[in-house]
Amino acid sequence: MITVAIAEDHQSLIDGISLLLKYEEGISIIGTSNDGRDLLDIVRLKQPKVVIMDIRMPKLDGIEATKIIMKEFPHTKVIAFSMFDQDQAVIQMRDAGAKGYILKNSPLEEILKAIHAVMQGKVYYDTGIDQRLFDDAFAKAKTPKSVLSKSEREILRLIAQNKTSSEIADIRFTAVSTVEKHRKNMMRKLGLSGKGELLKYAIEKKYDF
């Protein structure tokens, strides 16, 4: 029996996935969660064979949750399930230990294919994902240094120093609106969302740009 846990902050998607898998022979859903911390409780208690993992969730995001699961339960198969198809989001989940990556705008049947693939020891990535991202050399090239402009990298360094948009604008002799525009562009390029995500990323990656 393939036991499955689902972590997704939109209950309607959990319901859809549950309906898809409910009558599948050999698959059993043993837990669902709307946030990362609750998911960890489920995994530690029930130890599912497969976890379908949203990337952006309250309390603990999917990337950090995947890292913890891989450390505590290395045989668990994590399949990322996200609306993000940006390169950095894919690479971060791959590096965290995910064995699959499904986009939310794909047919739900892709999830079933992914479950069977990862249980066979394979990796499974949505056809909408650039497969080159899973080549180590290519992924290494997709660092902030390569995907961000010089101005964006300079602003990211200041963000890592906990500077506000207003302070950054003063330092760079530019308008606050220009800094905010750069912030939005960086979040899009890096596959980030939510308040504080860019600051967290800048602190974690401060030696990569």
N, C-alpha and C. Protein backbone atom coordinates (compact mmCIF):
# COMPACT_ATOMS: atom_id res chain seq x y z
N MET A 1 0.84 -1.21 0.00
CA MET A 1 0.00 0.00 0.00
C MET A 1 0.88 1.26 0.00
N ILE A 2 0.61 2.16 -0.92
CA ILE A 2 1.32 3.44 -0.97
C ILE A 2 0.55 4.44 -0.11
N THR A 3 1.12 4.79 1.03
CA THR A 3 0.47 5.75 1.92
C THR A 3 0.90 7.16 1.54
N VAL A 4 -0.07 8.08 1.52
CA VAL A 4 0.17 9.43 1.02
C VAL A 4 -0.32 10.48 2.02
N ALA A 5 0.49 11.52 2.22
CA ALA A 5 0.08 12.70 2.98
C ALA A 5 0.09 13.89 2.02
N ILE A 6 -0.87 14.80 2.22
CA ILE A 6 -1.00 15.96 1.33
C ILE A 6 -0.86 17.24 2.14
N ALA A 7 0.03 18.12 1.71
CA ALA A 7 0.18 19.43 2.34
C ALA A 7 -0.13 20.50 1.30
N GLU A 8 -1.17 21.25 1.53
CA GLU A 8 -1.63 22.25 0.57
C GLU A 8 -2.48 23.27 1.33
N ASP A 9 -2.19 24.57 1.13
CA ASP A 9 -2.91 25.58 1.91
C ASP A 9 -4.29 25.92 1.35
N HIS A 10 -4.64 25.36 0.20
CA HIS A 10 -5.99 25.54 -0.34
C HIS A 10 -6.77 24.24 -0.19
N GLN A 11 -7.77 24.26 0.67
CA GLN A 11 -8.52 23.05 0.96
C GLN A 11 -9.19 22.47 -0.28
N SER A 12 -9.59 23.34 -1.21
CA SER A 12 -10.25 22.85 -2.42
C SER A 12 -9.32 21.94 -3.23
N LEU A 13 -8.03 22.25 -3.23
CA LEU A 13 -7.07 21.40 -3.95
C LEU A 13 -6.86 20.08 -3.22
N ILE A 14 -6.83 20.14 -1.91
CA ILE A 14 -6.74 18.89 -1.13
C ILE A 14 -7.93 18.00 -1.45
N ASP A 15 -9.11 18.60 -1.50
CA ASP A 15 -10.33 17.84 -1.81
C ASP A 15 -10.25 17.22 -3.20
N GLY A 16 -9.72 17.98 -4.15
CA GLY A 16 -9.60 17.48 -5.51
C GLY A 16 -8.63 16.31 -5.61
N ILE A 17 -7.47 16.45 -4.97
CA ILE A 17 -6.49 15.37 -4.98
C ILE A 17 -7.03 14.14 -4.26
N SER A 18 -7.70 14.37 -3.14
CA SER A 18 -8.27 13.26 -2.37
C SER A 18 -9.29 12.49 -3.18
N LEU A 19 -10.11 13.22 -3.92
CA LEU A 19 -11.12 12.59 -4.76
C LEU A 19 -10.46 11.77 -5.86
N LEU A 20 -9.39 12.31 -6.43
CA LEU A 20 -8.66 11.60 -7.48
C LEU A 20 -8.09 10.28 -6.98
N LEU A 21 -7.53 10.29 -5.77
CA LEU A 21 -6.82 9.12 -5.26
C LEU A 21 -7.69 8.17 -4.46
N LYS A 22 -8.88 8.61 -4.10
CA LYS A 22 -9.74 7.85 -3.17
C LYS A 22 -9.99 6.43 -3.62
N TYR A 23 -10.23 6.25 -4.89
CA TYR A 23 -10.59 4.92 -5.37
C TYR A 23 -9.45 4.23 -6.13
N GLU A 24 -8.25 4.77 -6.00
CA GLU A 24 -7.10 4.14 -6.65
C GLU A 24 -6.63 2.95 -5.82
N GLU A 25 -6.59 1.81 -6.46
CA GLU A 25 -6.15 0.60 -5.76
C GLU A 25 -4.68 0.72 -5.39
N GLY A 26 -4.38 0.39 -4.15
CA GLY A 26 -2.99 0.42 -3.70
C GLY A 26 -2.52 1.75 -3.17
N ILE A 27 -3.41 2.76 -3.11
CA ILE A 27 -3.05 4.07 -2.59
C ILE A 27 -4.00 4.46 -1.46
N SER A 28 -3.46 4.96 -0.37
CA SER A 28 -4.27 5.37 0.77
C SER A 28 -3.80 6.72 1.30
N ILE A 29 -4.71 7.67 1.40
CA ILE A 29 -4.38 8.98 1.97
C ILE A 29 -4.50 8.87 3.49
N ILE A 30 -3.41 9.13 4.18
CA ILE A 30 -3.41 8.94 5.64
C ILE A 30 -3.33 10.26 6.41
N GLY A 31 -3.30 11.38 5.69
CA GLY A 31 -3.28 12.67 6.38
C GLY A 31 -3.23 13.83 5.42
N THR A 32 -3.86 14.93 5.82
CA THR A 32 -3.82 16.16 5.03
C THR A 32 -3.56 17.34 5.97
N SER A 33 -2.95 18.38 5.41
CA SER A 33 -2.61 19.55 6.23
C SER A 33 -2.64 20.81 5.39
N ASN A 34 -2.93 21.93 6.04
CA ASN A 34 -2.94 23.23 5.36
C ASN A 34 -1.70 24.06 5.68
N ASP A 35 -0.79 23.52 6.51
CA ASP A 35 0.45 24.25 6.81
C ASP A 35 1.58 23.27 7.06
N GLY A 36 2.81 23.78 6.95
CA GLY A 36 3.98 22.93 7.03
C GLY A 36 4.23 22.29 8.38
N ARG A 37 3.96 23.00 9.45
CA ARG A 37 4.21 22.44 10.79
C ARG A 37 3.26 21.29 11.10
N ASP A 38 2.01 21.44 10.74
CA ASP A 38 1.04 20.37 10.95
C ASP A 38 1.43 19.15 10.11
N LEU A 39 1.93 19.41 8.91
CA LEU A 39 2.37 18.30 8.07
C LEU A 39 3.47 17.49 8.75
N LEU A 40 4.44 18.17 9.35
CA LEU A 40 5.53 17.46 10.02
C LEU A 40 5.01 16.56 11.13
N ASP A 41 3.99 17.02 11.84
CA ASP A 41 3.38 16.18 12.88
C ASP A 41 2.80 14.91 12.27
N ILE A 42 2.13 15.06 11.13
CA ILE A 42 1.52 13.92 10.44
C ILE A 42 2.61 12.94 9.98
N VAL A 43 3.67 13.47 9.39
CA VAL A 43 4.75 12.63 8.87
C VAL A 43 5.43 11.88 10.01
N ARG A 44 5.68 12.55 11.11
CA ARG A 44 6.34 11.91 12.24
C ARG A 44 5.47 10.84 12.89
N LEU A 45 4.18 11.06 12.88
CA LEU A 45 3.26 10.10 13.51
C LEU A 45 2.95 8.92 12.60
N LYS A 46 2.72 9.19 11.30
CA LYS A 46 2.23 8.14 10.41
C LYS A 46 3.23 7.67 9.36
N GLN A 47 4.30 8.43 9.17
CA GLN A 47 5.37 8.08 8.24
C GLN A 47 4.86 7.62 6.86
N PRO A 48 4.22 8.51 6.12
CA PRO A 48 3.73 8.16 4.79
C PRO A 48 4.89 7.86 3.84
N LYS A 49 4.61 7.09 2.82
CA LYS A 49 5.64 6.78 1.83
C LYS A 49 5.82 7.94 0.85
N VAL A 50 4.73 8.69 0.62
CA VAL A 50 4.78 9.81 -0.32
C VAL A 50 4.15 11.04 0.31
N VAL A 51 4.77 12.19 0.12
CA VAL A 51 4.19 13.47 0.57
C VAL A 51 4.04 14.37 -0.65
N ILE A 52 2.81 14.83 -0.87
CA ILE A 52 2.55 15.83 -1.91
C ILE A 52 2.65 17.19 -1.24
N MET A 53 3.63 17.97 -1.64
CA MET A 53 4.04 19.16 -0.89
C MET A 53 3.85 20.47 -1.65
N ASP A 54 2.99 21.33 -1.12
CA ASP A 54 2.91 22.69 -1.63
C ASP A 54 4.19 23.42 -1.22
N ILE A 55 4.63 24.39 -2.01
CA ILE A 55 5.86 25.10 -1.67
C ILE A 55 5.59 26.24 -0.70
N ARG A 56 4.60 27.06 -1.00
CA ARG A 56 4.32 28.22 -0.15
C ARG A 56 3.15 27.92 0.76
N MET A 57 3.46 27.72 2.05
CA MET A 57 2.44 27.42 3.05
C MET A 57 2.68 28.24 4.31
N PRO A 58 1.64 28.41 5.13
CA PRO A 58 1.82 29.13 6.39
C PRO A 58 2.70 28.35 7.36
N LYS A 59 3.31 29.07 8.29
CA LYS A 59 4.08 28.53 9.41
C LYS A 59 5.42 27.92 9.00
N LEU A 60 5.42 27.09 7.96
CA LEU A 60 6.66 26.47 7.49
C LEU A 60 6.49 26.17 6.01
N ASP A 61 7.38 26.71 5.18
CA ASP A 61 7.18 26.49 3.74
C ASP A 61 7.62 25.10 3.31
N GLY A 62 7.25 24.73 2.09
CA GLY A 62 7.51 23.38 1.60
C GLY A 62 8.98 23.05 1.46
N ILE A 63 9.80 24.05 1.17
CA ILE A 63 11.24 23.80 1.02
C ILE A 63 11.85 23.38 2.35
N GLU A 64 11.55 24.14 3.41
CA GLU A 64 12.09 23.81 4.72
C GLU A 64 11.49 22.51 5.25
N ALA A 65 10.20 22.30 5.01
CA ALA A 65 9.55 21.07 5.46
C ALA A 65 10.17 19.85 4.77
N THR A 66 10.48 20.00 3.49
CA THR A 66 11.10 18.90 2.75
C THR A 66 12.48 18.58 3.31
N LYS A 67 13.25 19.60 3.63
CA LYS A 67 14.59 19.39 4.21
C LYS A 67 14.50 18.60 5.52
N ILE A 68 13.53 18.97 6.34
CA ILE A 68 13.37 18.28 7.63
C ILE A 68 12.95 16.84 7.43
N ILE A 69 11.99 16.63 6.54
CA ILE A 69 11.52 15.27 6.27
C ILE A 69 12.65 14.40 5.73
N MET A 70 13.45 14.94 4.82
CA MET A 70 14.56 14.17 4.25
C MET A 70 15.60 13.81 5.31
N LYS A 71 15.78 14.69 6.27
CA LYS A 71 16.74 14.42 7.34
C LYS A 71 16.23 13.35 8.29
N GLU A 72 14.94 13.40 8.61
CA GLU A 72 14.37 12.46 9.57
C GLU A 72 13.87 11.17 8.93
N PHE A 73 13.36 11.28 7.71
CA PHE A 73 12.80 10.11 7.02
C PHE A 73 13.30 10.09 5.57
N PRO A 74 14.56 9.75 5.37
CA PRO A 74 15.17 9.85 4.04
C PRO A 74 14.53 8.98 2.96
N HIS A 75 13.76 7.98 3.35
CA HIS A 75 13.13 7.11 2.35
C HIS A 75 11.77 7.64 1.89
N THR A 76 11.28 8.68 2.53
CA THR A 76 10.01 9.29 2.11
C THR A 76 10.20 10.00 0.77
N LYS A 77 9.23 9.86 -0.11
CA LYS A 77 9.28 10.50 -1.42
C LYS A 77 8.44 11.78 -1.39
N VAL A 78 9.06 12.90 -1.65
CA VAL A 78 8.36 14.18 -1.67
C VAL A 78 8.12 14.62 -3.11
N ILE A 79 6.86 14.97 -3.40
CA ILE A 79 6.50 15.50 -4.71
C ILE A 79 6.04 16.93 -4.52
N ALA A 80 6.76 17.88 -5.09
CA ALA A 80 6.37 19.29 -4.98
C ALA A 80 5.13 19.53 -5.85
N PHE A 81 4.20 20.28 -5.29
CA PHE A 81 2.95 20.59 -6.00
C PHE A 81 2.74 22.09 -5.86
N SER A 82 3.00 22.82 -6.94
CA SER A 82 3.03 24.27 -6.80
C SER A 82 2.63 25.00 -8.06
N MET A 83 2.22 26.25 -7.89
CA MET A 83 1.91 27.11 -9.03
C MET A 83 3.18 27.77 -9.56
N PHE A 84 4.30 27.56 -8.88
CA PHE A 84 5.55 28.20 -9.27
C PHE A 84 6.30 27.35 -10.27
N ASP A 85 6.59 27.92 -11.44
CA ASP A 85 7.44 27.23 -12.40
C ASP A 85 8.75 27.97 -12.59
N GLN A 86 9.05 28.93 -11.69
CA GLN A 86 10.30 29.66 -11.80
C GLN A 86 11.48 28.75 -11.46
N ASP A 87 12.59 28.99 -12.14
CA ASP A 87 13.74 28.11 -12.01
C ASP A 87 14.20 27.93 -10.57
N GLN A 88 14.31 29.03 -9.83
CA GLN A 88 14.86 28.92 -8.48
C GLN A 88 13.98 28.08 -7.56
N ALA A 89 12.66 28.18 -7.70
CA ALA A 89 11.77 27.39 -6.87
C ALA A 89 11.96 25.90 -7.15
N VAL A 90 12.10 25.56 -8.42
CA VAL A 90 12.32 24.17 -8.80
C VAL A 90 13.65 23.66 -8.26
N ILE A 91 14.70 24.44 -8.44
CA ILE A 91 16.03 24.04 -7.99
C ILE A 91 16.06 23.89 -6.46
N GLN A 92 15.42 24.81 -5.75
CA GLN A 92 15.41 24.73 -4.29
C GLN A 92 14.71 23.47 -3.80
N MET A 93 13.61 23.09 -4.44
CA MET A 93 12.91 21.87 -4.04
C MET A 93 13.73 20.64 -4.41
N ARG A 94 14.37 20.68 -5.54
CA ARG A 94 15.24 19.56 -5.93
C ARG A 94 16.37 19.39 -4.92
N ASP A 95 17.00 20.51 -4.57
CA ASP A 95 18.11 20.46 -3.62
C ASP A 95 17.65 20.04 -2.23
N ALA A 96 16.41 20.33 -1.89
CA ALA A 96 15.87 19.94 -0.59
C ALA A 96 15.60 18.44 -0.52
N GLY A 97 15.48 17.80 -1.70
CA GLY A 97 15.28 16.35 -1.71
C GLY A 97 14.03 15.86 -2.41
N ALA A 98 13.25 16.77 -3.02
CA ALA A 98 12.03 16.35 -3.71
C ALA A 98 12.38 15.47 -4.91
N LYS A 99 11.55 14.48 -5.15
CA LYS A 99 11.75 13.56 -6.27
C LYS A 99 10.76 13.82 -7.41
N GLY A 100 9.89 14.79 -7.23
CA GLY A 100 8.93 15.13 -8.28
C GLY A 100 8.50 16.57 -8.15
N TYR A 101 7.99 17.14 -9.23
CA TYR A 101 7.55 18.54 -9.23
C TYR A 101 6.39 18.66 -10.21
N ILE A 102 5.20 18.93 -9.68
CA ILE A 102 3.99 19.05 -10.48
C ILE A 102 3.43 20.47 -10.38
N LEU A 103 3.07 21.05 -11.51
CA LEU A 103 2.47 22.39 -11.52
C LEU A 103 0.97 22.28 -11.28
N LYS A 104 0.44 23.23 -10.54
CA LYS A 104 -0.97 23.19 -10.18
C LYS A 104 -1.91 23.38 -11.36
N ASN A 105 -1.39 23.96 -12.44
CA ASN A 105 -2.26 24.15 -13.60
C ASN A 105 -2.25 22.95 -14.55
N SER A 106 -1.57 21.88 -14.14
CA SER A 106 -1.57 20.65 -14.92
C SER A 106 -2.74 19.76 -14.48
N PRO A 107 -3.15 18.81 -15.30
CA PRO A 107 -4.23 17.89 -14.91
C PRO A 107 -3.83 17.14 -13.63
N LEU A 108 -4.80 16.92 -12.75
CA LEU A 108 -4.51 16.24 -11.49
C LEU A 108 -3.99 14.82 -11.71
N GLU A 109 -4.28 14.25 -12.87
CA GLU A 109 -3.79 12.90 -13.16
C GLU A 109 -2.26 12.84 -13.15
N GLU A 110 -1.61 14.00 -13.33
CA GLU A 110 -0.15 14.04 -13.26
C GLU A 110 0.34 13.59 -11.89
N ILE A 111 -0.45 13.86 -10.86
CA ILE A 111 -0.07 13.47 -9.50
C ILE A 111 0.00 11.96 -9.38
N LEU A 112 -0.97 11.28 -9.96
CA LEU A 112 -0.99 9.82 -9.92
C LEU A 112 0.23 9.25 -10.64
N LYS A 113 0.57 9.82 -11.78
CA LYS A 113 1.75 9.39 -12.53
C LYS A 113 3.01 9.61 -11.69
N ALA A 114 3.07 10.75 -11.03
CA ALA A 114 4.25 11.08 -10.23
C ALA A 114 4.40 10.12 -9.05
N ILE A 115 3.30 9.79 -8.40
CA ILE A 115 3.35 8.87 -7.25
C ILE A 115 3.94 7.53 -7.66
N HIS A 116 3.45 6.98 -8.75
CA HIS A 116 3.95 5.68 -9.20
C HIS A 116 5.41 5.77 -9.64
N ALA A 117 5.78 6.88 -10.26
CA ALA A 117 7.17 7.04 -10.72
C ALA A 117 8.14 7.09 -9.55
N VAL A 118 7.86 7.92 -8.56
CA VAL A 118 8.80 8.06 -7.43
C VAL A 118 8.86 6.78 -6.61
N MET A 119 7.76 6.03 -6.55
CA MET A 119 7.78 4.77 -5.81
C MET A 119 8.59 3.71 -6.53
N GLN A 120 8.84 3.92 -7.81
CA GLN A 120 9.70 3.02 -8.59
C GLN A 120 11.16 3.50 -8.59
N GLY A 121 11.41 4.52 -7.77
CA GLY A 121 12.77 5.03 -7.67
C GLY A 121 13.16 6.02 -8.74
N LYS A 122 12.18 6.49 -9.49
CA LYS A 122 12.43 7.45 -10.55
C LYS A 122 12.16 8.87 -10.07
N VAL A 123 12.55 9.85 -10.88
CA VAL A 123 12.14 11.23 -10.63
C VAL A 123 11.06 11.58 -11.65
N TYR A 124 10.17 12.47 -11.25
CA TYR A 124 9.07 12.82 -12.16
C TYR A 124 8.85 14.32 -12.11
N TYR A 125 9.02 14.97 -13.25
CA TYR A 125 8.82 16.41 -13.30
C TYR A 125 7.86 16.77 -14.43
N ASP A 126 6.99 17.68 -14.11
CA ASP A 126 5.97 18.16 -15.05
C ASP A 126 6.59 18.53 -16.39
N THR A 127 5.86 18.29 -17.45
CA THR A 127 6.38 18.63 -18.78
C THR A 127 6.58 20.13 -18.95
N GLY A 128 5.94 20.94 -18.08
CA GLY A 128 6.11 22.39 -18.14
C GLY A 128 7.39 22.87 -17.48
N ILE A 129 8.16 21.95 -16.89
CA ILE A 129 9.40 22.30 -16.22
C ILE A 129 10.58 22.06 -17.16
N ASP A 130 11.51 22.99 -17.18
CA ASP A 130 12.73 22.85 -17.97
C ASP A 130 13.57 21.72 -17.37
N GLN A 131 13.67 20.61 -18.08
CA GLN A 131 14.38 19.43 -17.56
C GLN A 131 15.86 19.70 -17.31
N ARG A 132 16.41 20.72 -17.94
CA ARG A 132 17.83 21.03 -17.73
C ARG A 132 18.11 21.47 -16.30
N LEU A 133 17.06 21.86 -15.57
CA LEU A 133 17.25 22.29 -14.19
C LEU A 133 17.74 21.15 -13.30
N PHE A 134 17.60 19.92 -13.76
CA PHE A 134 18.01 18.79 -12.96
C PHE A 134 19.38 18.26 -13.35
N ASP A 135 20.04 19.04 -14.20
CA ASP A 135 21.44 18.82 -14.48
C ASP A 135 22.22 19.74 -13.54
N ASP A 136 23.14 19.17 -12.76
CA ASP A 136 23.83 19.95 -11.72
C ASP A 136 24.54 21.18 -12.27
N ALA A 137 25.19 21.03 -13.41
CA ALA A 137 25.93 22.16 -13.97
C ALA A 137 24.99 23.28 -14.39
N PHE A 138 23.87 22.90 -14.99
CA PHE A 138 22.91 23.92 -15.42
C PHE A 138 22.27 24.60 -14.22
N ALA A 139 21.91 23.80 -13.21
CA ALA A 139 21.29 24.36 -12.01
C ALA A 139 22.23 25.33 -11.30
N LYS A 140 23.51 24.98 -11.25
CA LYS A 140 24.49 25.85 -10.61
C LYS A 140 24.59 27.18 -11.32
N ALA A 141 24.39 27.14 -12.64
CA ALA A 141 24.47 28.37 -13.43
C ALA A 141 23.28 29.28 -13.19
N LYS A 142 22.19 28.72 -12.65
CA LYS A 142 20.98 29.51 -12.41
C LYS A 142 20.98 30.11 -11.01
N THR A 143 22.11 30.61 -10.58
CA THR A 143 22.22 31.27 -9.29
C THR A 143 21.75 32.71 -9.42
N PRO A 144 21.56 33.42 -8.31
CA PRO A 144 21.18 34.83 -8.39
C PRO A 144 22.12 35.64 -9.27
N LYS A 145 23.40 35.24 -9.31
CA LYS A 145 24.39 35.98 -10.10
C LYS A 145 24.04 35.94 -11.58
N SER A 146 23.39 34.84 -12.01
CA SER A 146 23.08 34.71 -13.43
C SER A 146 21.67 35.17 -13.79
N VAL A 147 20.74 35.06 -12.86
CA VAL A 147 19.35 35.40 -13.20
C VAL A 147 18.98 36.85 -12.87
N LEU A 148 19.77 37.48 -11.99
CA LEU A 148 19.47 38.86 -11.61
C LEU A 148 20.42 39.84 -12.30
N SER A 149 19.90 41.03 -12.55
CA SER A 149 20.74 42.08 -13.13
C SER A 149 21.71 42.61 -12.07
N LYS A 150 22.69 43.38 -12.52
CA LYS A 150 23.66 43.96 -11.59
C LYS A 150 22.96 44.82 -10.54
N SER A 151 22.01 45.65 -10.97
CA SER A 151 21.28 46.51 -10.04
C SER A 151 20.49 45.68 -9.03
N GLU A 152 19.88 44.62 -9.52
CA GLU A 152 19.09 43.77 -8.62
C GLU A 152 19.98 43.08 -7.59
N ARG A 153 21.16 42.64 -8.01
CA ARG A 153 22.08 42.00 -7.06
C ARG A 153 22.56 43.00 -6.01
N GLU A 154 22.80 44.24 -6.43
CA GLU A 154 23.23 45.27 -5.49
C GLU A 154 22.13 45.56 -4.47
N ILE A 155 20.89 45.61 -4.94
CA ILE A 155 19.76 45.84 -4.04
C ILE A 155 19.57 44.64 -3.11
N LEU A 156 19.78 43.44 -3.64
CA LEU A 156 19.65 42.23 -2.82
C LEU A 156 20.67 42.23 -1.68
N ARG A 157 21.88 42.71 -1.97
CA ARG A 157 22.91 42.82 -0.91
C ARG A 157 22.45 43.75 0.20
N LEU A 158 21.82 44.86 -0.19
CA LEU A 158 21.32 45.82 0.81
C LEU A 158 20.14 45.23 1.58
N ILE A 159 19.30 44.46 0.90
CA ILE A 159 18.18 43.80 1.58
C ILE A 159 18.73 42.82 2.62
N ALA A 160 19.82 42.13 2.28
CA ALA A 160 20.44 41.19 3.21
C ALA A 160 20.95 41.90 4.46
N GLN A 161 21.22 43.21 4.32
CA GLN A 161 21.65 44.02 5.47
C GLN A 161 20.45 44.61 6.22
N ASN A 162 19.25 44.14 5.84
CA ASN A 162 18.00 44.55 6.48
C ASN A 162 17.65 46.01 6.22
N LYS A 163 18.10 46.53 5.08
CA LYS A 163 17.77 47.91 4.71
C LYS A 163 16.33 47.96 4.17
N THR A 164 15.63 49.03 4.49
CA THR A 164 14.28 49.22 3.97
C THR A 164 14.35 49.77 2.54
N SER A 165 13.22 49.74 1.85
CA SER A 165 13.18 50.29 0.49
C SER A 165 13.56 51.77 0.49
N SER A 166 13.11 52.49 1.50
CA SER A 166 13.43 53.91 1.60
C SER A 166 14.92 54.13 1.80
N GLU A 167 15.54 53.32 2.66
CA GLU A 167 16.98 53.43 2.90
C GLU A 167 17.78 53.05 1.65
N ILE A 168 17.32 52.03 0.96
CA ILE A 168 18.00 51.60 -0.26
C ILE A 168 17.91 52.69 -1.33
N ALA A 169 16.75 53.32 -1.42
CA ALA A 169 16.55 54.41 -2.39
C ALA A 169 17.52 55.56 -2.10
N ASP A 170 17.70 55.89 -0.82
CA ASP A 170 18.62 56.96 -0.44
C ASP A 170 20.06 56.59 -0.81
N ILE A 171 20.45 55.35 -0.52
CA ILE A 171 21.81 54.91 -0.80
C ILE A 171 22.10 54.92 -2.29
N ARG A 172 21.09 54.54 -3.09
CA ARG A 172 21.29 54.41 -4.53
C ARG A 172 20.85 55.66 -5.30
N PHE A 173 20.42 56.70 -4.56
CA PHE A 173 19.99 57.95 -5.19
C PHE A 173 18.91 57.70 -6.24
N THR A 174 17.90 56.95 -5.85
CA THR A 174 16.80 56.63 -6.76
C THR A 174 15.48 56.74 -6.02
N ALA A 175 14.39 56.52 -6.73
CA ALA A 175 13.06 56.61 -6.12
C ALA A 175 12.70 55.32 -5.40
N VAL A 176 11.90 55.44 -4.36
CA VAL A 176 11.43 54.26 -3.63
C VAL A 176 10.65 53.34 -4.58
N SER A 177 9.88 53.93 -5.48
CA SER A 177 9.09 53.14 -6.42
C SER A 177 9.98 52.28 -7.32
N THR A 178 11.16 52.79 -7.63
CA THR A 178 12.11 52.03 -8.45
C THR A 178 12.63 50.82 -7.68
N VAL A 179 12.92 51.02 -6.41
CA VAL A 179 13.38 49.92 -5.56
C VAL A 179 12.29 48.86 -5.44
N GLU A 180 11.06 49.33 -5.24
CA GLU A 180 9.94 48.39 -5.11
C GLU A 180 9.75 47.59 -6.40
N LYS A 181 9.95 48.25 -7.53
CA LYS A 181 9.84 47.55 -8.82
C LYS A 181 10.90 46.46 -8.93
N HIS A 182 12.12 46.79 -8.50
CA HIS A 182 13.20 45.80 -8.51
C HIS A 182 12.86 44.62 -7.59
N ARG A 183 12.29 44.93 -6.44
CA ARG A 183 11.90 43.87 -5.51
C ARG A 183 10.92 42.89 -6.16
N LYS A 184 9.91 43.44 -6.81
CA LYS A 184 8.91 42.60 -7.47
C LYS A 184 9.53 41.75 -8.57
N ASN A 185 10.43 42.36 -9.34
CA ASN A 185 11.10 41.62 -10.42
C ASN A 185 11.96 40.49 -9.87
N MET A 186 12.65 40.75 -8.76
CA MET A 186 13.49 39.72 -8.15
C MET A 186 12.66 38.57 -7.62
N MET A 187 11.54 38.88 -6.99
CA MET A 187 10.68 37.84 -6.45
C MET A 187 10.13 36.96 -7.57
N ARG A 188 9.79 37.60 -8.69
CA ARG A 188 9.29 36.83 -9.84
C ARG A 188 10.38 35.92 -10.39
N LYS A 189 11.58 36.45 -10.55
CA LYS A 189 12.69 35.67 -11.12
C LYS A 189 13.12 34.53 -10.20
N LEU A 190 13.05 34.76 -8.90
CA LEU A 190 13.53 33.78 -7.94
C LEU A 190 12.45 32.83 -7.45
N GLY A 191 11.22 33.03 -7.91
CA GLY A 191 10.13 32.15 -7.52
C GLY A 191 9.71 32.33 -6.07
N LEU A 192 9.73 33.57 -5.60
CA LEU A 192 9.37 33.86 -4.21
C LEU A 192 8.01 34.54 -4.15
N SER A 193 7.36 34.42 -2.99
CA SER A 193 6.09 35.12 -2.78
C SER A 193 5.90 35.35 -1.29
N GLY A 194 5.12 36.35 -0.95
CA GLY A 194 4.83 36.61 0.45
C GLY A 194 5.81 37.57 1.09
N LYS A 195 5.31 38.32 2.04
CA LYS A 195 6.12 39.32 2.74
C LYS A 195 7.25 38.64 3.51
N GLY A 196 8.42 39.16 3.38
CA GLY A 196 9.57 38.64 4.11
C GLY A 196 10.36 37.57 3.36
N GLU A 197 9.79 37.03 2.27
CA GLU A 197 10.47 35.96 1.54
C GLU A 197 11.78 36.44 0.91
N LEU A 198 11.76 37.67 0.37
CA LEU A 198 12.96 38.19 -0.28
C LEU A 198 14.07 38.44 0.74
N LEU A 199 13.72 38.97 1.90
CA LEU A 199 14.71 39.20 2.96
C LEU A 199 15.33 37.87 3.40
N LYS A 200 14.49 36.87 3.61
CA LYS A 200 14.97 35.55 4.02
C LYS A 200 15.92 34.98 2.99
N TYR A 201 15.52 35.10 1.73
CA TYR A 201 16.35 34.58 0.63
C TYR A 201 17.68 35.32 0.58
N ALA A 202 17.63 36.65 0.71
CA ALA A 202 18.85 37.46 0.63
C ALA A 202 19.84 37.08 1.72
N ILE A 203 19.34 36.84 2.92
CA ILE A 203 20.20 36.46 4.05
C ILE A 203 20.82 35.08 3.81
N GLU A 204 20.00 34.14 3.31
CA GLU A 204 20.47 32.78 3.08
C GLU A 204 21.50 32.70 1.95
N LYS A 205 21.33 33.57 0.93
CA LYS A 205 22.16 33.48 -0.27
C LYS A 205 23.19 34.60 -0.38
N LYS A 206 23.48 35.26 0.71
CA LYS A 206 24.29 36.48 0.63
C LYS A 206 25.71 36.25 0.07
N TYR A 207 26.18 35.00 0.07
CA TYR A 207 27.51 34.74 -0.49
C TYR A 207 27.44 34.27 -1.94
N ASP A 208 26.23 34.17 -2.49
CA ASP A 208 26.06 33.69 -3.86
C ASP A 208 25.89 34.80 -4.89
N PHE A 209 25.90 36.05 -4.43
CA PHE A 209 25.73 37.14 -5.38
C PHE A 209 26.65 38.27 -4.98
